[in-house]
């Protein structure tokens, strides 16, 4: 899928579409381009693109991220950002507290160890 692909345009819906409208549009497009129904060579690739667009727009968090940043950062960066936005998600653990990488605060043990 190209980076500049507009998922709303791919599903033929408005940007302010509701979840029900997204689901209806997905079902209509999926039926049109399903490889078992459509024998064109491009149908399989189009079907994959429609599935990916629906997976993004059906999830409210991914949809919000897509609306803000587009498809450029939607891959692995979305997952990293989603994990990082959990309060203390990756900071909690044995002896980690609010150590390095968790708001850039250092633990005293780490500071003294470096001297």
N, C-alpha and C. Protein backbone atom coordinates (compact mmCIF):
# COMPACT_ATOMS: atom_id res chain seq x y z
N UNK A 1 0.85 -1.17 0.00
CA UNK A 1 0.00 0.00 0.00
C UNK A 1 0.89 1.23 0.00
N UNK A 2 0.52 2.22 -0.75
CA UNK A 2 1.30 3.45 -0.83
C UNK A 2 1.14 4.27 0.44
N UNK A 3 2.17 5.08 0.71
CA UNK A 3 2.13 5.88 1.93
C UNK A 3 1.08 6.98 1.89
N UNK A 4 0.75 7.47 0.71
CA UNK A 4 -0.20 8.57 0.63
C UNK A 4 -1.64 8.11 0.41
N UNK A 5 -1.91 6.84 0.63
CA UNK A 5 -3.26 6.29 0.46
C UNK A 5 -4.18 6.88 1.53
N UNK A 6 -5.33 7.36 1.07
CA UNK A 6 -6.34 7.90 1.99
C UNK A 6 -7.33 6.78 2.29
N UNK A 7 -7.36 6.33 3.54
CA UNK A 7 -8.22 5.22 3.91
C UNK A 7 -9.70 5.57 3.76
N UNK A 8 -10.05 6.81 4.02
CA UNK A 8 -11.45 7.22 3.87
C UNK A 8 -11.87 7.15 2.40
N UNK A 9 -10.98 7.59 1.53
CA UNK A 9 -11.27 7.56 0.10
C UNK A 9 -11.32 6.11 -0.39
N UNK A 10 -10.47 5.28 0.14
CA UNK A 10 -10.43 3.87 -0.25
C UNK A 10 -11.75 3.17 0.09
N UNK A 11 -12.32 3.51 1.24
CA UNK A 11 -13.61 2.92 1.63
C UNK A 11 -14.81 3.74 1.15
N UNK A 12 -14.52 4.85 0.46
CA UNK A 12 -15.55 5.73 -0.10
C UNK A 12 -16.50 6.26 0.98
N UNK A 13 -15.92 6.83 2.04
CA UNK A 13 -16.70 7.41 3.13
C UNK A 13 -16.14 8.79 3.47
N UNK A 14 -16.93 9.57 4.24
CA UNK A 14 -16.48 10.88 4.71
C UNK A 14 -15.57 10.70 5.91
N UNK A 15 -14.80 11.76 6.20
CA UNK A 15 -13.89 11.72 7.36
C UNK A 15 -14.65 11.69 8.69
N UNK A 16 -15.87 12.17 8.71
CA UNK A 16 -16.64 12.18 9.96
C UNK A 16 -17.65 11.03 10.01
N UNK A 17 -17.36 9.95 9.31
CA UNK A 17 -18.25 8.79 9.28
C UNK A 17 -18.30 8.10 10.65
N UNK A 18 -19.45 7.56 10.97
CA UNK A 18 -19.61 6.83 12.23
C UNK A 18 -19.05 5.42 12.08
N UNK A 19 -18.95 4.71 13.19
CA UNK A 19 -18.44 3.34 13.15
C UNK A 19 -19.35 2.43 12.31
N UNK A 20 -20.66 2.65 12.39
CA UNK A 20 -21.59 1.85 11.59
C UNK A 20 -21.40 2.11 10.10
N UNK A 21 -21.19 3.37 9.72
CA UNK A 21 -20.97 3.70 8.32
C UNK A 21 -19.67 3.09 7.80
N UNK A 22 -18.66 3.08 8.65
CA UNK A 22 -17.37 2.48 8.27
C UNK A 22 -17.56 0.98 8.04
N UNK A 23 -18.29 0.34 8.95
CA UNK A 23 -18.52 -1.10 8.83
C UNK A 23 -19.31 -1.45 7.57
N UNK A 24 -20.36 -0.66 7.27
CA UNK A 24 -21.15 -0.90 6.06
C UNK A 24 -20.31 -0.71 4.80
N UNK A 25 -19.51 0.35 4.78
CA UNK A 25 -18.67 0.61 3.61
C UNK A 25 -17.63 -0.50 3.43
N UNK A 26 -17.07 -0.97 4.53
CA UNK A 26 -16.09 -2.06 4.46
C UNK A 26 -16.73 -3.32 3.87
N UNK A 27 -17.89 -3.66 4.36
CA UNK A 27 -18.55 -4.88 3.88
C UNK A 27 -18.86 -4.78 2.38
N UNK A 28 -19.32 -3.60 1.95
CA UNK A 28 -19.64 -3.39 0.55
C UNK A 28 -18.39 -3.52 -0.32
N UNK A 29 -17.29 -2.88 0.10
CA UNK A 29 -16.05 -2.90 -0.67
C UNK A 29 -15.41 -4.29 -0.63
N UNK A 30 -15.47 -4.95 0.52
CA UNK A 30 -14.89 -6.29 0.64
C UNK A 30 -15.62 -7.26 -0.26
N UNK A 31 -16.92 -7.15 -0.36
CA UNK A 31 -17.69 -8.01 -1.25
C UNK A 31 -17.33 -7.75 -2.71
N UNK A 32 -17.11 -6.48 -3.03
CA UNK A 32 -16.79 -6.11 -4.41
C UNK A 32 -15.42 -6.64 -4.84
N UNK A 33 -14.44 -6.62 -3.94
CA UNK A 33 -13.07 -6.95 -4.30
C UNK A 33 -12.57 -8.29 -3.75
N UNK A 34 -13.44 -9.08 -3.15
CA UNK A 34 -13.00 -10.37 -2.62
C UNK A 34 -12.50 -11.25 -3.78
N UNK A 35 -11.33 -11.87 -3.61
CA UNK A 35 -10.77 -12.68 -4.70
C UNK A 35 -11.65 -13.83 -5.18
N UNK A 36 -12.52 -14.35 -4.33
CA UNK A 36 -13.42 -15.42 -4.74
C UNK A 36 -14.54 -14.91 -5.65
N UNK A 37 -14.86 -13.62 -5.53
CA UNK A 37 -15.95 -13.03 -6.30
C UNK A 37 -15.41 -12.30 -7.53
N UNK A 38 -14.32 -11.57 -7.36
CA UNK A 38 -13.75 -10.75 -8.41
C UNK A 38 -12.51 -11.45 -8.98
N UNK A 39 -12.51 -11.70 -10.28
CA UNK A 39 -11.40 -12.43 -10.89
C UNK A 39 -10.32 -11.52 -11.47
N UNK A 40 -10.42 -10.21 -11.30
CA UNK A 40 -9.40 -9.30 -11.80
C UNK A 40 -8.09 -9.51 -11.04
N UNK A 41 -6.97 -9.23 -11.69
CA UNK A 41 -5.67 -9.42 -11.06
C UNK A 41 -5.45 -8.49 -9.87
N UNK A 42 -5.94 -7.27 -9.95
CA UNK A 42 -5.74 -6.29 -8.88
C UNK A 42 -6.69 -6.48 -7.70
N UNK A 43 -7.67 -7.35 -7.83
CA UNK A 43 -8.69 -7.51 -6.79
C UNK A 43 -8.08 -7.98 -5.47
N UNK A 44 -7.14 -8.90 -5.52
CA UNK A 44 -6.53 -9.41 -4.29
C UNK A 44 -5.78 -8.32 -3.53
N UNK A 45 -5.01 -7.51 -4.26
CA UNK A 45 -4.27 -6.42 -3.62
C UNK A 45 -5.23 -5.36 -3.07
N UNK A 46 -6.27 -5.05 -3.83
CA UNK A 46 -7.26 -4.07 -3.38
C UNK A 46 -7.98 -4.59 -2.14
N UNK A 47 -8.26 -5.88 -2.09
CA UNK A 47 -8.92 -6.48 -0.94
C UNK A 47 -8.03 -6.35 0.31
N UNK A 48 -6.72 -6.57 0.16
CA UNK A 48 -5.79 -6.40 1.29
C UNK A 48 -5.78 -4.96 1.77
N UNK A 49 -5.77 -4.01 0.82
CA UNK A 49 -5.77 -2.59 1.19
C UNK A 49 -7.05 -2.21 1.93
N UNK A 50 -8.18 -2.74 1.49
CA UNK A 50 -9.45 -2.45 2.15
C UNK A 50 -9.46 -3.02 3.57
N UNK A 51 -8.95 -4.23 3.74
CA UNK A 51 -8.88 -4.83 5.08
C UNK A 51 -7.99 -4.00 6.00
N UNK A 52 -6.86 -3.53 5.48
CA UNK A 52 -5.96 -2.72 6.30
C UNK A 52 -6.62 -1.39 6.68
N UNK A 53 -7.27 -0.76 5.71
CA UNK A 53 -7.95 0.50 5.98
C UNK A 53 -9.03 0.32 7.05
N UNK A 54 -9.78 -0.77 6.95
CA UNK A 54 -10.82 -1.03 7.94
C UNK A 54 -10.22 -1.30 9.32
N UNK A 55 -9.12 -2.03 9.37
CA UNK A 55 -8.51 -2.33 10.67
C UNK A 55 -8.05 -1.05 11.36
N UNK A 56 -7.66 -0.05 10.59
CA UNK A 56 -7.24 1.22 11.18
C UNK A 56 -8.45 2.06 11.58
N UNK A 57 -9.41 2.20 10.69
CA UNK A 57 -10.55 3.09 10.96
C UNK A 57 -11.55 2.50 11.94
N UNK A 58 -11.59 1.19 12.11
CA UNK A 58 -12.52 0.57 13.05
C UNK A 58 -12.06 0.71 14.49
N UNK A 59 -10.77 0.87 14.71
CA UNK A 59 -10.22 1.03 16.06
C UNK A 59 -10.13 2.53 16.35
N UNK A 60 -10.87 3.04 17.35
CA UNK A 60 -10.88 4.48 17.62
C UNK A 60 -9.50 5.07 17.91
N UNK A 61 -8.64 4.34 18.60
CA UNK A 61 -7.31 4.87 18.90
C UNK A 61 -6.46 4.96 17.64
N UNK A 62 -6.49 3.91 16.82
CA UNK A 62 -5.73 3.94 15.57
C UNK A 62 -6.28 4.99 14.61
N UNK A 63 -7.60 5.14 14.61
CA UNK A 63 -8.22 6.15 13.73
C UNK A 63 -7.78 7.55 14.13
N UNK A 64 -7.77 7.82 15.42
CA UNK A 64 -7.33 9.14 15.89
C UNK A 64 -5.87 9.37 15.51
N UNK A 65 -5.04 8.37 15.69
CA UNK A 65 -3.62 8.47 15.33
C UNK A 65 -3.46 8.69 13.83
N UNK A 66 -4.26 7.98 13.02
CA UNK A 66 -4.21 8.14 11.57
C UNK A 66 -4.66 9.54 11.18
N UNK A 67 -5.71 10.05 11.81
CA UNK A 67 -6.20 11.39 11.49
C UNK A 67 -5.15 12.45 11.81
N UNK A 68 -4.38 12.23 12.86
CA UNK A 68 -3.36 13.21 13.24
C UNK A 68 -2.10 13.11 12.39
N UNK A 69 -1.63 11.89 12.14
CA UNK A 69 -0.32 11.72 11.52
C UNK A 69 -0.34 11.06 10.14
N UNK A 70 -1.46 10.54 9.71
CA UNK A 70 -1.52 9.87 8.42
C UNK A 70 -0.92 8.47 8.48
N UNK A 71 -0.60 7.93 7.32
CA UNK A 71 -0.10 6.56 7.25
C UNK A 71 1.39 6.46 7.49
N UNK A 72 2.09 7.58 7.55
CA UNK A 72 3.54 7.54 7.65
C UNK A 72 4.00 6.85 8.93
N UNK A 73 3.38 7.16 10.06
CA UNK A 73 3.82 6.62 11.34
C UNK A 73 2.88 5.56 11.87
N UNK A 74 2.08 4.96 11.03
CA UNK A 74 1.05 4.05 11.53
C UNK A 74 1.56 2.66 11.86
N UNK A 75 2.68 2.25 11.36
CA UNK A 75 3.19 0.89 11.57
C UNK A 75 3.68 0.66 12.98
N UNK A 76 4.96 0.40 13.13
CA UNK A 76 5.55 0.08 14.42
C UNK A 76 5.52 1.27 15.37
N UNK A 77 5.60 2.46 14.83
CA UNK A 77 5.63 3.64 15.69
C UNK A 77 4.34 3.80 16.47
N UNK A 78 3.19 3.42 15.85
CA UNK A 78 1.93 3.49 16.58
C UNK A 78 1.99 2.61 17.81
N UNK A 79 2.49 1.40 17.65
CA UNK A 79 2.57 0.48 18.77
C UNK A 79 3.47 1.03 19.86
N UNK A 80 4.63 1.59 19.46
CA UNK A 80 5.56 2.15 20.45
C UNK A 80 4.92 3.32 21.17
N UNK A 81 4.22 4.18 20.43
CA UNK A 81 3.58 5.34 21.04
C UNK A 81 2.45 4.90 21.96
N UNK A 82 1.68 3.92 21.54
CA UNK A 82 0.58 3.44 22.37
C UNK A 82 1.11 2.88 23.68
N UNK A 83 2.22 2.13 23.63
CA UNK A 83 2.82 1.59 24.84
C UNK A 83 3.37 2.71 25.72
N UNK A 84 4.02 3.68 25.10
CA UNK A 84 4.63 4.76 25.86
C UNK A 84 3.59 5.66 26.52
N UNK A 85 2.39 5.75 25.94
CA UNK A 85 1.37 6.62 26.49
C UNK A 85 0.62 6.00 27.67
N UNK A 86 0.84 4.71 27.93
CA UNK A 86 0.24 4.11 29.12
C UNK A 86 0.96 4.68 30.33
N UNK A 87 0.23 5.14 31.33
CA UNK A 87 0.90 5.72 32.49
C UNK A 87 1.80 4.71 33.18
N UNK A 88 3.08 4.99 33.21
CA UNK A 88 4.10 4.15 33.85
C UNK A 88 4.16 2.76 33.24
N UNK A 89 3.66 2.59 32.00
CA UNK A 89 3.57 1.28 31.38
C UNK A 89 4.88 0.54 31.32
N UNK A 90 5.92 1.18 30.83
CA UNK A 90 7.19 0.48 30.70
C UNK A 90 8.15 0.85 31.81
N UNK A 91 7.73 1.66 32.75
CA UNK A 91 8.61 2.12 33.81
C UNK A 91 8.51 1.28 35.07
N UNK A 92 7.43 0.54 35.19
CA UNK A 92 7.24 -0.23 36.40
C UNK A 92 7.98 -1.56 36.28
N UNK A 93 8.61 -1.96 37.30
CA UNK A 93 9.33 -3.21 37.29
C UNK A 93 10.32 -3.24 38.44
N UNK A 94 11.05 -4.30 38.52
CA UNK A 94 11.98 -4.47 39.62
C UNK A 94 13.06 -3.40 39.58
N UNK A 95 13.12 -2.60 40.64
CA UNK A 95 14.14 -1.57 40.84
C UNK A 95 14.21 -0.53 39.73
N UNK A 96 13.14 -0.37 38.97
CA UNK A 96 13.20 0.59 37.88
C UNK A 96 12.64 1.93 38.30
N UNK A 97 11.55 1.91 39.04
CA UNK A 97 10.96 3.16 39.48
C UNK A 97 10.82 4.15 38.35
N UNK A 98 11.18 5.38 38.57
CA UNK A 98 11.16 6.39 37.52
C UNK A 98 12.57 6.58 36.99
N UNK A 99 13.20 5.53 36.55
CA UNK A 99 14.58 5.58 36.08
C UNK A 99 14.70 6.13 34.68
N UNK A 100 15.86 6.01 34.12
CA UNK A 100 16.15 6.53 32.80
C UNK A 100 15.19 5.92 31.78
N UNK A 101 14.71 6.75 30.86
CA UNK A 101 13.77 6.29 29.85
C UNK A 101 12.33 6.46 30.28
N UNK A 102 12.10 6.86 31.49
CA UNK A 102 10.74 7.08 31.99
C UNK A 102 10.62 8.54 32.40
N UNK A 103 10.55 9.39 31.42
CA UNK A 103 10.46 10.81 31.71
C UNK A 103 11.83 11.43 31.89
N UNK A 104 12.88 10.71 31.53
CA UNK A 104 14.26 11.17 31.61
C UNK A 104 14.69 11.54 33.02
N UNK A 105 14.14 10.91 34.01
CA UNK A 105 14.59 11.10 35.39
C UNK A 105 15.55 9.97 35.72
N UNK A 106 16.56 10.24 36.47
CA UNK A 106 17.57 9.25 36.78
C UNK A 106 17.41 8.79 38.23
N UNK A 107 17.72 7.54 38.44
CA UNK A 107 17.74 7.02 39.80
C UNK A 107 19.11 7.35 40.39
N UNK A 108 19.17 7.59 41.67
CA UNK A 108 20.43 7.93 42.33
C UNK A 108 21.48 6.84 42.16
N UNK A 109 21.05 5.60 42.19
CA UNK A 109 21.99 4.49 42.02
C UNK A 109 22.70 4.57 40.67
N UNK A 110 21.96 4.93 39.62
CA UNK A 110 22.54 5.02 38.30
C UNK A 110 23.53 6.18 38.20
N UNK A 111 23.20 7.28 38.82
CA UNK A 111 24.09 8.44 38.80
C UNK A 111 25.38 8.14 39.53
N UNK A 112 25.29 7.54 40.72
CA UNK A 112 26.48 7.24 41.51
C UNK A 112 27.32 6.14 40.85
N UNK A 113 26.70 5.21 40.18
CA UNK A 113 27.41 4.14 39.53
C UNK A 113 28.29 4.65 38.39
N UNK A 114 27.88 5.72 37.75
CA UNK A 114 28.61 6.26 36.60
C UNK A 114 29.84 7.06 37.03
N UNK A 115 29.98 7.40 38.30
CA UNK A 115 31.14 8.19 38.74
C UNK A 115 32.32 7.38 38.97
